[in-house]
Amino acid sequence: MFMHAKELQFNARVSEPDPRFASMLLDQFGGPNGELKAAMQYFTQAFAARQTHPEKYDMLMDIATEELSHLEIVGATITMLLDGVNAEMKEAGEAKNWMDLLRGGTEKEEMIHMAMTNPSFLTESRGGPRLTDVNGVPWTSAYVNANGDLTVDLRSDIAAESRAKIVYENLIQFTDDPYVKETLGFLMTREVAHFQMFAAALETIPQNFPPGALQADPRYSHAYYNMSDGADARGPWNEGQGPWPAGEHWEYIQTPHAHVVETSGEINKPVVGTSTTMEQAQKAGKELGKTRKEEALAKIGTGTNQWSSYPQTELPHPGKAQQKAGPNPTGS
């Protein structure tokens, strides 16, 4: 269950109102790379991991909850940056010019532009954040990536933290407020920490590449197609061993069209770059899928299931261990 602590995780402060930057900061409140997206993504992913990977469930829930803490920090900062504007707007009976809060003609023009492109930010929120990005596009669950497979989800999370980090890095360039920079620096650094957590968690999953259970077709897995004319760029992404295990290497296909014709549309392409055969790859995929299924069944069991024990003193879900603790609601 969730409880709310009154203190912010980080002591968010602002030197003075800045409605222009408050609007920009909306991207990290209700944008596609923002804190709500991150919280909902990790929260949703955690459910599929609860019974089969309880340690990953614990990590995902911890990080999701921290992201909600970051959402609160961003929302509080936006509100403080709008404090002056908020006060002026609420004095509806007096003729005050809240545009005087801006620090020059350029900022006023930018604020006017923001009011035209995202008018609801000021007309509907009256001094608080809304679940939109800087352009007023509403937050959507389409931002959330959750596939139910940790070898996929953790890679999505690493990418999500990378994008969020660079957004904060960019935002820092648009404010001169030392307190706001301090807050953004904290939030940016936590993205780096989460990146490392997800990367470390992924490494604890045996045979996590390729994602999923089915293995790649060795006829095509090591091929690089030179799909452009002119000078060619070569590197570990298309020559030598690259990221492959010892004894394997990239196959560089210089003329893809001729290659496709020669192999009858890749159907007759031989295996190059690896000693793994098609039969071995298919067998490995089936065995890995079977192993994971057996491991999941061993942890989940059959029959009545239970999510939590009371108190929850161990990470694994209680399964049948706690089912004797209460009466059977069916009466059987």
Protein backbone atom coordinates (compact mmCIF):
# COMPACT_ATOMS: atom_id res chain seq x y z
CA MET A 1 0.00 0.00 0.00
CA PHE A 2 1.07 3.60 -0.46
CA MET A 3 1.46 6.32 2.13
CA HIS A 4 2.40 9.94 1.53
CA ALA A 5 5.19 11.61 3.47
CA LYS A 6 4.78 15.37 3.75
CA GLU A 7 8.44 16.19 3.04
CA LEU A 8 9.66 16.31 -0.56
CA GLN A 9 12.46 13.88 -1.36
CA PHE A 10 14.55 16.89 -2.44
CA ASN A 11 14.26 20.41 -1.04
CA ALA A 12 12.83 22.10 -4.13
CA ARG A 13 13.20 25.90 -4.16
CA VAL A 14 12.95 28.77 -6.64
CA SER A 15 14.48 32.25 -6.51
CA GLU A 16 11.61 34.02 -8.24
CA PRO A 17 8.61 33.32 -10.47
CA ASP A 18 9.31 32.27 -14.05
CA PRO A 19 6.10 31.29 -15.89
CA ARG A 20 8.02 30.74 -19.12
CA PHE A 21 10.19 28.03 -17.59
CA ALA A 22 7.23 26.63 -15.66
CA SER A 23 5.62 25.92 -19.01
CA MET A 24 8.76 24.18 -20.29
CA LEU A 25 8.98 22.07 -17.16
CA LEU A 26 5.55 20.61 -17.96
CA ASP A 27 7.37 18.18 -20.24
CA GLN A 28 8.69 16.37 -17.17
CA PHE A 29 5.28 16.38 -15.50
CA GLY A 30 2.97 15.18 -18.25
CA GLY A 31 5.26 14.66 -21.24
CA PRO A 32 6.34 11.43 -22.98
CA ASN A 33 9.65 11.28 -21.09
CA GLY A 34 8.40 12.68 -17.81
CA GLU A 35 8.12 11.43 -14.27
CA LEU A 36 4.52 10.21 -14.53
CA LYS A 37 5.39 8.13 -17.59
CA ALA A 38 8.31 6.58 -15.72
CA ALA A 39 6.28 5.88 -12.58
CA MET A 40 3.44 4.25 -14.51
CA GLN A 41 5.81 2.25 -16.72
CA TYR A 42 7.74 0.67 -13.86
CA PHE A 43 4.59 0.23 -11.78
CA THR A 44 2.85 -1.61 -14.61
CA GLN A 45 5.88 -3.75 -15.44
CA ALA A 46 6.22 -4.83 -11.82
CA PHE A 47 3.02 -6.88 -11.75
CA ALA A 48 4.24 -9.43 -14.29
CA ALA A 49 7.45 -9.83 -12.28
CA ARG A 50 5.87 -10.26 -8.83
CA GLN A 51 5.62 -14.04 -8.71
CA THR A 52 8.42 -15.12 -11.03
CA HIS A 53 11.03 -12.48 -10.20
CA PRO A 54 10.11 -11.06 -6.78
CA GLU A 55 13.43 -9.26 -6.43
CA LYS A 56 12.79 -7.38 -9.70
CA TYR A 57 9.26 -6.60 -8.53
CA ASP A 58 10.71 -5.04 -5.40
CA MET A 59 13.14 -2.93 -7.43
CA LEU A 60 10.53 -1.82 -9.97
CA MET A 61 8.08 -0.81 -7.25
CA ASP A 62 10.79 1.08 -5.37
CA ILE A 63 11.83 3.01 -8.46
CA ALA A 64 8.22 3.61 -9.54
CA THR A 65 7.48 5.07 -6.12
CA GLU A 66 10.57 7.26 -6.29
CA GLU A 67 9.40 8.52 -9.68
CA LEU A 68 6.13 9.59 -8.05
CA SER A 69 8.27 11.49 -5.56
CA HIS A 70 10.00 13.16 -8.50
CA LEU A 71 6.63 13.98 -10.05
CA GLU A 72 5.77 15.78 -6.81
CA ILE A 73 9.06 17.70 -6.95
CA VAL A 74 8.41 18.77 -10.55
CA GLY A 75 4.82 19.76 -9.74
CA ALA A 76 5.92 21.75 -6.70
CA THR A 77 8.59 23.55 -8.75
CA ILE A 78 6.11 24.43 -11.49
CA THR A 79 3.69 25.79 -8.91
CA MET A 80 6.36 27.91 -7.23
CA LEU A 81 7.51 29.24 -10.58
CA LEU A 82 3.92 30.36 -11.16
CA ASP A 83 3.38 31.82 -7.70
CA GLY A 84 3.49 35.44 -8.83
CA VAL A 85 1.34 34.82 -11.86
CA ASN A 86 -1.00 32.75 -9.74
CA ALA A 87 -1.48 35.61 -7.27
CA GLU A 88 -2.07 38.18 -10.00
CA MET A 89 -4.60 35.99 -11.79
CA LYS A 90 -6.57 35.37 -8.64
CA GLU A 91 -6.94 39.12 -7.99
CA ALA A 92 -9.58 39.23 -10.69
CA GLY A 93 -11.17 42.36 -9.30
CA GLU A 94 -8.04 44.47 -9.68
CA ALA A 95 -6.38 45.68 -12.85
CA LYS A 96 -2.90 44.21 -12.38
CA ASN A 97 -0.51 43.34 -15.18
CA TRP A 98 1.03 39.95 -14.42
CA MET A 99 3.17 40.28 -17.55
CA ASP A 100 5.35 42.64 -15.49
CA LEU A 101 6.65 39.52 -13.76
CA LEU A 102 8.61 38.63 -16.88
CA ARG A 103 12.12 39.95 -17.29
CA GLY A 104 12.03 41.65 -20.67
CA GLY A 105 10.45 41.91 -24.09
CA THR A 106 11.77 38.57 -25.35
CA GLU A 107 10.36 36.66 -22.38
CA LYS A 108 7.02 38.43 -22.75
CA GLU A 109 6.89 37.41 -26.40
CA GLU A 110 7.72 33.83 -25.47
CA MET A 111 5.01 33.87 -22.83
CA ILE A 112 2.49 35.21 -25.31
CA HIS A 113 3.50 32.43 -27.70
CA MET A 114 3.03 29.86 -24.93
CA ALA A 115 -0.40 31.29 -24.13
CA MET A 116 -1.33 30.86 -27.79
CA THR A 117 0.03 27.33 -28.21
CA ASN A 118 -0.98 25.97 -24.78
CA PRO A 119 -3.61 28.40 -23.46
CA SER A 120 -5.17 25.90 -21.07
CA PHE A 121 -2.01 25.91 -18.96
CA LEU A 122 -2.88 29.40 -17.68
CA THR A 123 -6.62 29.59 -18.29
CA GLU A 124 -7.54 26.27 -16.66
CA SER A 125 -4.83 25.50 -14.14
CA ARG A 126 -4.58 28.92 -12.48
CA GLY A 127 -1.11 28.39 -11.14
CA GLY A 128 -0.64 24.63 -10.98
CA PRO A 129 0.66 21.91 -13.30
CA ARG A 130 -1.54 20.00 -15.69
CA LEU A 131 -1.01 16.54 -17.14
CA THR A 132 0.19 17.77 -20.50
CA ASP A 133 3.49 18.44 -22.20
CA VAL A 134 4.77 21.93 -23.00
CA ASN A 135 2.48 22.11 -26.05
CA GLY A 136 -0.64 21.13 -24.14
CA VAL A 137 -0.78 17.57 -25.49
CA PRO A 138 -2.50 15.44 -22.81
CA TRP A 139 -0.64 12.67 -21.07
CA THR A 140 -1.52 9.24 -22.44
CA SER A 141 -0.91 5.64 -21.41
CA ALA A 142 0.55 5.15 -24.88
CA TYR A 143 3.77 6.53 -23.36
CA VAL A 144 4.04 3.41 -21.18
CA ASN A 145 6.00 0.38 -22.40
CA ALA A 146 5.26 -2.87 -20.60
CA ASN A 147 5.68 -6.18 -22.41
CA GLY A 148 5.59 -8.65 -19.52
CA ASP A 149 9.11 -9.90 -20.27
CA LEU A 150 11.89 -8.47 -18.16
CA THR A 151 14.50 -8.93 -20.90
CA VAL A 152 12.42 -6.47 -22.92
CA ASP A 153 11.05 -4.25 -20.16
CA LEU A 154 14.39 -3.56 -18.52
CA ARG A 155 15.84 -2.47 -21.84
CA SER A 156 12.85 -0.16 -22.30
CA ASP A 157 13.57 1.24 -18.85
CA ILE A 158 17.23 1.86 -19.65
CA ALA A 159 16.13 3.77 -22.74
CA ALA A 160 13.49 5.69 -20.75
CA GLU A 161 16.05 6.83 -18.19
CA SER A 162 18.40 7.88 -21.00
CA ARG A 163 15.72 10.07 -22.58
CA ALA A 164 14.67 11.58 -19.27
CA LYS A 165 18.29 12.37 -18.42
CA ILE A 166 18.86 14.26 -21.64
CA VAL A 167 15.59 16.20 -21.23
CA TYR A 168 16.74 17.44 -17.81
CA GLU A 169 20.14 18.25 -19.27
CA ASN A 170 18.43 20.36 -21.94
CA LEU A 171 16.08 22.03 -19.46
CA ILE A 172 19.00 23.15 -17.30
CA GLN A 173 20.17 25.28 -20.22
CA PHE A 174 16.94 27.32 -20.17
CA THR A 175 16.98 28.60 -16.60
CA ASP A 176 19.30 30.89 -14.68
CA ASP A 177 17.71 30.17 -11.31
CA PRO A 178 20.38 28.46 -9.17
CA TYR A 179 17.78 26.73 -7.00
CA VAL A 180 15.92 25.34 -10.00
CA LYS A 181 19.21 24.19 -11.53
CA GLU A 182 19.97 22.43 -8.26
CA THR A 183 16.63 20.60 -8.34
CA LEU A 184 16.99 19.64 -11.99
CA GLY A 185 20.52 18.42 -11.32
CA PHE A 186 19.23 16.11 -8.59
CA LEU A 187 16.47 14.74 -10.82
CA MET A 188 18.89 14.27 -13.73
CA THR A 189 21.33 12.40 -11.51
CA ARG A 190 18.63 10.05 -10.27
CA GLU A 191 17.96 9.12 -13.91
CA VAL A 192 21.61 8.09 -14.16
CA ALA A 193 21.28 6.01 -10.99
CA HIS A 194 18.13 4.29 -12.25
CA PHE A 195 19.85 3.55 -15.57
CA GLN A 196 22.54 1.68 -13.67
CA MET A 197 20.00 -0.18 -11.53
CA PHE A 198 18.11 -1.45 -14.56
CA ALA A 199 21.31 -2.38 -16.37
CA ALA A 200 22.55 -4.33 -13.34
CA ALA A 201 19.20 -6.09 -12.95
CA LEU A 202 19.23 -7.13 -16.61
CA GLU A 203 22.64 -8.72 -16.17
CA THR A 204 21.29 -10.99 -13.42
CA ILE A 205 18.88 -12.67 -15.87
CA PRO A 206 20.58 -15.68 -17.51
CA GLN A 207 20.48 -15.77 -21.31
CA ASN A 208 18.90 -12.32 -21.57
CA PHE A 209 19.99 -11.80 -25.19
CA PRO A 210 18.27 -11.83 -27.53
CA PRO A 211 15.20 -10.62 -25.61
CA GLY A 212 12.56 -13.29 -25.13
CA ALA A 213 13.15 -17.01 -25.58
CA LEU A 214 13.27 -17.68 -29.33
CA GLN A 215 16.75 -17.41 -30.79
CA ALA A 216 17.72 -15.48 -33.91
CA ASP A 217 18.02 -17.22 -37.26
CA PRO A 218 21.81 -17.57 -37.70
CA ARG A 219 21.49 -16.99 -41.45
CA TYR A 220 20.59 -13.36 -40.83
CA SER A 221 21.71 -12.52 -37.28
CA HIS A 222 25.30 -11.57 -38.16
CA ALA A 223 24.62 -9.83 -41.49
CA TYR A 224 25.14 -6.10 -42.05
CA TYR A 225 23.62 -4.69 -45.23
CA ASN A 226 25.37 -1.74 -46.88
CA MET A 227 22.15 0.10 -47.78
CA SER A 228 23.69 3.36 -49.03
CA ASP A 229 25.86 4.62 -51.88
CA GLY A 230 29.15 6.45 -51.55
CA ALA A 231 31.72 6.22 -48.78
CA ASP A 232 31.16 3.42 -46.28
CA ALA A 233 31.55 3.68 -42.51
CA ARG A 234 33.06 0.65 -40.82
CA GLY A 235 33.30 -0.14 -37.15
CA PRO A 236 32.47 -2.76 -34.52
CA TRP A 237 28.82 -2.52 -35.56
CA ASN A 238 29.57 -4.07 -38.97
CA GLU A 239 33.05 -5.60 -39.03
CA GLY A 240 35.17 -7.96 -36.98
CA GLN A 241 33.93 -9.65 -33.83
CA GLY A 242 31.94 -6.65 -32.63
CA PRO A 243 29.63 -7.61 -29.76
CA TRP A 244 29.56 -11.29 -30.67
CA PRO A 245 31.21 -14.08 -28.64
CA ALA A 246 34.72 -15.21 -29.44
CA GLY A 247 34.95 -16.98 -32.78
CA GLU A 248 32.00 -15.08 -34.29
CA HIS A 249 32.02 -12.02 -36.54
CA TRP A 250 29.94 -9.71 -38.71
CA GLU A 251 29.18 -10.50 -42.33
CA TYR A 252 29.41 -7.30 -44.40
CA ILE A 253 27.16 -7.47 -47.47
CA GLN A 254 28.54 -4.85 -49.84
CA THR A 255 25.85 -5.11 -52.55
CA PRO A 256 22.53 -6.04 -50.90
CA HIS A 257 20.45 -6.10 -54.08
CA ALA A 258 22.75 -8.54 -55.84
CA HIS A 259 22.91 -10.61 -52.67
CA VAL A 260 19.11 -10.82 -52.44
CA VAL A 261 18.89 -11.97 -56.07
CA GLU A 262 21.63 -14.55 -55.61
CA THR A 263 19.98 -16.04 -52.52
CA SER A 264 16.45 -16.08 -53.99
CA GLY A 265 15.24 -13.48 -51.51
CA GLU A 266 17.45 -14.73 -48.64
CA ILE A 267 15.86 -18.17 -48.66
CA ASN A 268 19.09 -19.84 -49.79
CA LYS A 269 21.44 -17.66 -47.74
CA PRO A 270 24.12 -19.68 -45.94
CA VAL A 271 25.08 -19.12 -42.31
CA VAL A 272 28.07 -16.78 -42.07
CA GLY A 273 29.75 -15.33 -38.98
CA THR A 274 28.70 -18.03 -36.49
CA SER A 275 28.98 -21.78 -36.13
CA THR A 276 25.42 -22.05 -34.79
CA THR A 277 23.11 -23.91 -37.15
CA MET A 278 19.43 -23.23 -37.71
CA GLU A 279 18.56 -26.48 -35.97
CA GLN A 280 20.68 -25.57 -32.94
CA ALA A 281 19.09 -22.12 -32.70
CA GLN A 282 15.57 -23.55 -32.88
CA LYS A 283 16.39 -26.17 -30.26
CA ALA A 284 17.95 -23.59 -27.94
CA GLY A 285 14.86 -21.38 -28.20
CA LYS A 286 12.51 -24.23 -27.37
CA GLU A 287 14.65 -25.36 -24.44
CA LEU A 288 14.91 -21.83 -23.03
CA GLY A 289 11.16 -21.33 -23.35
CA LYS A 290 10.52 -24.64 -21.61
CA THR A 291 12.99 -23.82 -18.82
CA ARG A 292 11.40 -20.45 -18.15
CA LYS A 293 7.93 -21.96 -18.13
CA GLU A 294 8.98 -24.63 -15.64
CA GLU A 295 10.66 -22.04 -13.43
CA ALA A 296 7.54 -19.88 -13.49
CA LEU A 297 5.24 -22.79 -12.65
CA ALA A 298 7.52 -23.83 -9.80
CA LYS A 299 7.29 -20.35 -8.30
CA ILE A 300 3.61 -19.70 -8.97
CA GLY A 301 2.24 -23.17 -8.37
CA THR A 302 -1.32 -24.18 -9.15
CA GLY A 303 -4.67 -23.67 -7.48
CA THR A 304 -5.50 -20.78 -5.18
CA ASN A 305 -3.01 -17.96 -5.37
CA GLN A 306 -2.15 -15.14 -2.97
CA TRP A 307 -0.27 -11.89 -3.64
CA SER A 308 0.97 -10.88 -0.17
CA SER A 309 1.68 -12.36 3.23
CA TYR A 310 0.93 -10.44 6.44
CA PRO A 311 3.42 -9.25 7.48
CA GLN A 312 5.44 -9.45 4.28
CA THR A 313 8.80 -10.50 5.69
CA GLU A 314 10.11 -12.34 2.61
CA LEU A 315 10.33 -11.29 -1.04
CA PRO A 316 8.66 -14.30 -2.70
CA HIS A 317 4.87 -14.28 -2.91
CA PRO A 318 3.27 -16.53 -0.27
CA GLY A 319 1.62 -18.95 -2.70
CA LYS A 320 -0.04 -21.76 -0.83
CA ALA A 321 1.95 -21.18 2.35
CA GLN A 322 -0.51 -18.60 3.68
CA GLN A 323 -3.71 -20.16 2.43
CA LYS A 324 -4.23 -21.95 5.74
CA ALA A 325 -4.27 -18.64 7.57
CA GLY A 326 -7.90 -17.87 6.75
CA PRO A 327 -11.15 -19.63 5.93
CA ASN A 328 -11.96 -20.63 2.37
CA PRO A 329 -14.54 -18.11 1.12
CA THR A 330 -16.19 -20.85 -0.96
CA GLY A 331 -16.83 -22.89 2.15
CA SER A 332 -15.32 -26.01 0.59
